[in-house]
Amino acid sequence: MQPAADPLNLGFSAFPQVFPEFIPSTSPSTSKMSKTFTPADVASHKTADAGLYIIIDGNVYDVTNFVDEHPGGAKILKRVAGKDASKQFWKYHNEGVLKKHSPKLKIGEVKEAAKL
């Protein structure tokens, strides 16, 4: 008689192309992604020396090292640094842009409603 199947091992890992969401991630943990900020925290990051943080839809992004790469120019990001840039972002970008850059720029979320 064979032992009962382990209820936690459903065999999904044998089919990663079918069930990728059930495969444990092997990528390193990004602890900075889980940080929670207040609007005041973000507002204090509006200069190159302090770092340039922006808020888009409640998520906080560190654009300090992205400023020179921004196709629209550094001036635009510096103007919205320390603020909720959601309205300005969606006016010129689509979700694909956010998905492309979010993994390297997102550092956390805003705890309170951002009205900066």
C-alpha atoms as a PDB file:
ATOM      1  CA  MET A   1       0.000   0.000   0.000  1.00  0.00           C
ATOM      2  CA  GLN A   2       1.339   3.436  -0.905  1.00  0.00           C
ATOM      3  CA  PRO A   3       1.386   6.294   1.609  1.00  0.00           C
ATOM      4  CA  ALA A   4      -1.302   8.942   1.301  1.00  0.00           C
ATOM      5  CA  ALA A   5      -0.391  11.882  -0.898  1.00  0.00           C
ATOM      6  CA  ASP A   6       0.894  14.934   0.877  1.00  0.00           C
ATOM      7  CA  PRO A   7      -2.038  17.409   0.691  1.00  0.00           C
ATOM      8  CA  LEU A   8       0.401  20.328   0.423  1.00  0.00           C
ATOM      9  CA  ASN A   9       2.249  18.846  -2.534  1.00  0.00           C
ATOM     10  CA  LEU A  10      -0.318  18.897  -5.297  1.00  0.00           C
ATOM     11  CA  GLY A  11       2.218  18.256  -8.011  1.00  0.00           C
ATOM     12  CA  PHE A  12       1.888  21.667  -9.651  1.00  0.00           C
ATOM     13  CA  SER A  13       5.654  22.043  -9.828  1.00  0.00           C
ATOM     14  CA  ALA A  14       5.732  19.265 -12.409  1.00  0.00           C
ATOM     15  CA  PHE A  15       3.856  21.566 -14.792  1.00  0.00           C
ATOM     16  CA  PRO A  16       5.438  25.038 -14.418  1.00  0.00           C
ATOM     17  CA  GLN A  17       4.257  26.179 -17.843  1.00  0.00           C
ATOM     18  CA  VAL A  18       0.641  25.456 -16.843  1.00  0.00           C
ATOM     19  CA  PHE A  19       0.690  26.534 -13.205  1.00  0.00           C
ATOM     20  CA  PRO A  20       3.466  29.155 -12.861  1.00  0.00           C
ATOM     21  CA  GLU A  21       1.689  30.869  -9.969  1.00  0.00           C
ATOM     22  CA  PHE A  22       2.135  27.740  -7.842  1.00  0.00           C
ATOM     23  CA  ILE A  23       5.892  27.534  -8.287  1.00  0.00           C
ATOM     24  CA  PRO A  24       7.842  29.082  -5.403  1.00  0.00           C
ATOM     25  CA  SER A  25       9.865  32.064  -6.483  1.00  0.00           C
ATOM     26  CA  THR A  26      13.610  31.592  -6.561  1.00  0.00           C
ATOM     27  CA  SER A  27      14.293  35.280  -6.999  1.00  0.00           C
ATOM     28  CA  PRO A  28      15.867  37.119  -4.075  1.00  0.00           C
ATOM     29  CA  SER A  29      13.521  38.792  -1.659  1.00  0.00           C
ATOM     30  CA  THR A  30      13.067  42.496  -2.198  1.00  0.00           C
ATOM     31  CA  SER A  31      12.442  43.765   1.307  1.00  0.00           C
ATOM     32  CA  LYS A  32      12.480  47.391   0.169  1.00  0.00           C
ATOM     33  CA  MET A  33       9.280  46.696  -1.779  1.00  0.00           C
ATOM     34  CA  SER A  34       7.324  46.095   1.418  1.00  0.00           C
ATOM     35  CA  LYS A  35       8.089  49.453   3.017  1.00  0.00           C
ATOM     36  CA  THR A  36       5.215  51.710   3.964  1.00  0.00           C
ATOM     37  CA  PHE A  37       5.547  55.480   3.618  1.00  0.00           C
ATOM     38  CA  THR A  38       3.472  58.405   4.794  1.00  0.00           C
ATOM     39  CA  PRO A  39       2.854  61.283   2.392  1.00  0.00           C
ATOM     40  CA  ALA A  40       5.249  63.329   4.563  1.00  0.00           C
ATOM     41  CA  ASP A  41       7.979  60.696   4.079  1.00  0.00           C
ATOM     42  CA  VAL A  42       7.595  60.967   0.321  1.00  0.00           C
ATOM     43  CA  ALA A  43       7.454  64.773   0.454  1.00  0.00           C
ATOM     44  CA  SER A  44      10.877  64.824   2.114  1.00  0.00           C
ATOM     45  CA  HIS A  45      12.370  63.128  -0.964  1.00  0.00           C
ATOM     46  CA  LYS A  46      12.166  65.877  -3.542  1.00  0.00           C
ATOM     47  CA  THR A  47      15.812  66.699  -4.164  1.00  0.00           C
ATOM     48  CA  ALA A  48      18.658  64.751  -5.731  1.00  0.00           C
ATOM     49  CA  ASP A  49      20.483  64.723  -2.383  1.00  0.00           C
ATOM     50  CA  ALA A  50      17.495  63.340  -0.457  1.00  0.00           C
ATOM     51  CA  GLY A  51      16.365  61.118  -3.320  1.00  0.00           C
ATOM     52  CA  LEU A  52      13.495  61.651  -5.724  1.00  0.00           C
ATOM     53  CA  TYR A  53      10.352  59.744  -4.755  1.00  0.00           C
ATOM     54  CA  ILE A  54       6.999  59.913  -6.507  1.00  0.00           C
ATOM     55  CA  ILE A  55       3.625  58.359  -5.815  1.00  0.00           C
ATOM     56  CA  ILE A  56       1.573  56.695  -8.536  1.00  0.00           C
ATOM     57  CA  ASP A  57      -1.741  55.149  -7.508  1.00  0.00           C
ATOM     58  CA  GLY A  58      -0.673  54.710  -3.898  1.00  0.00           C
ATOM     59  CA  ASN A  59       2.680  53.123  -4.714  1.00  0.00           C
ATOM     60  CA  VAL A  60       5.997  54.839  -4.028  1.00  0.00           C
ATOM     61  CA  TYR A  61       8.728  54.873  -6.662  1.00  0.00           C
ATOM     62  CA  ASP A  62      12.345  55.968  -6.245  1.00  0.00           C
ATOM     63  CA  VAL A  63      13.179  57.690  -9.542  1.00  0.00           C
ATOM     64  CA  THR A  64      16.516  59.117  -8.374  1.00  0.00           C
ATOM     65  CA  ASN A  65      18.593  56.943 -10.696  1.00  0.00           C
ATOM     66  CA  PHE A  66      15.979  56.973 -13.472  1.00  0.00           C
ATOM     67  CA  VAL A  67      15.859  60.754 -13.928  1.00  0.00           C
ATOM     68  CA  ASP A  68      18.478  60.852 -16.672  1.00  0.00           C
ATOM     69  CA  GLU A  69      16.880  57.892 -18.483  1.00  0.00           C
ATOM     70  CA  HIS A  70      13.368  59.374 -18.506  1.00  0.00           C
ATOM     71  CA  PRO A  71      12.385  59.943 -22.155  1.00  0.00           C
ATOM     72  CA  GLY A  72      10.426  63.056 -21.188  1.00  0.00           C
ATOM     73  CA  GLY A  73      13.433  64.587 -19.479  1.00  0.00           C
ATOM     74  CA  ALA A  74      14.689  64.982 -15.946  1.00  0.00           C
ATOM     75  CA  LYS A  75      12.859  68.280 -15.444  1.00  0.00           C
ATOM     76  CA  ILE A  76       9.453  66.587 -15.424  1.00  0.00           C
ATOM     77  CA  LEU A  77      10.384  64.056 -12.749  1.00  0.00           C
ATOM     78  CA  LYS A  78      12.058  66.711 -10.621  1.00  0.00           C
ATOM     79  CA  ARG A  79       8.886  68.808 -10.808  1.00  0.00           C
ATOM     80  CA  VAL A  80       6.700  66.010  -9.384  1.00  0.00           C
ATOM     81  CA  ALA A  81       9.253  64.607  -6.921  1.00  0.00           C
ATOM     82  CA  GLY A  82       7.876  64.277  -3.411  1.00  0.00           C
ATOM     83  CA  LYS A  83       4.290  64.354  -4.700  1.00  0.00           C
ATOM     84  CA  ASP A  84       1.481  62.193  -6.004  1.00  0.00           C
ATOM     85  CA  ALA A  85       2.223  62.126  -9.723  1.00  0.00           C
ATOM     86  CA  SER A  86      -0.648  59.805 -10.667  1.00  0.00           C
ATOM     87  CA  LYS A  87      -2.565  62.354 -12.729  1.00  0.00           C
ATOM     88  CA  GLN A  88       0.516  63.496 -14.637  1.00  0.00           C
ATOM     89  CA  PHE A  89       1.740  59.929 -15.145  1.00  0.00           C
ATOM     90  CA  TRP A  90      -1.503  58.603 -16.631  1.00  0.00           C
ATOM     91  CA  LYS A  91      -1.835  61.631 -18.880  1.00  0.00           C
ATOM     92  CA  TYR A  92       1.285  60.567 -20.821  1.00  0.00           C
ATOM     93  CA  HIS A  93       1.808  56.852 -20.057  1.00  0.00           C
ATOM     94  CA  ASN A  94      -0.066  53.568 -20.204  1.00  0.00           C
ATOM     95  CA  GLU A  95      -0.017  50.553 -17.912  1.00  0.00           C
ATOM     96  CA  GLY A  96       2.734  48.911 -19.953  1.00  0.00           C
ATOM     97  CA  VAL A  97       5.176  51.656 -18.970  1.00  0.00           C
ATOM     98  CA  LEU A  98       4.378  51.156 -15.295  1.00  0.00           C
ATOM     99  CA  LYS A  99       4.741  47.371 -15.556  1.00  0.00           C
ATOM    100  CA  LYS A 100       8.075  47.746 -17.335  1.00  0.00           C
ATOM    101  CA  HIS A 101       9.676  50.047 -14.762  1.00  0.00           C
ATOM    102  CA  SER A 102       7.865  49.075 -11.557  1.00  0.00           C
ATOM    103  CA  PRO A 103      10.108  46.114 -10.622  1.00  0.00           C
ATOM    104  CA  LYS A 104      13.214  48.281 -10.411  1.00  0.00           C
ATOM    105  CA  LEU A 105      11.673  51.545  -9.181  1.00  0.00           C
ATOM    106  CA  LYS A 106       8.880  50.601  -6.761  1.00  0.00           C
ATOM    107  CA  ILE A 107      10.020  50.810  -3.153  1.00  0.00           C
ATOM    108  CA  GLY A 108       6.749  50.640  -1.227  1.00  0.00           C
ATOM    109  CA  GLU A 109       3.271  51.984  -0.671  1.00  0.00           C
ATOM    110  CA  VAL A 110       1.682  55.035   0.907  1.00  0.00           C
ATOM    111  CA  LYS A 111       0.001  54.383   4.238  1.00  0.00           C
ATOM    112  CA  GLU A 112      -2.370  57.357   4.115  1.00  0.00           C
ATOM    113  CA  ALA A 113      -4.227  59.055   1.300  1.00  0.00           C
ATOM    114  CA  ALA A 114      -1.715  61.131  -0.608  1.00  0.00           C
ATOM    115  CA  LYS A 115      -2.775  64.713  -1.190  1.00  0.00           C
ATOM    116  CA  LEU A 116       0.585  66.266  -1.842  1.00  0.00           C
END
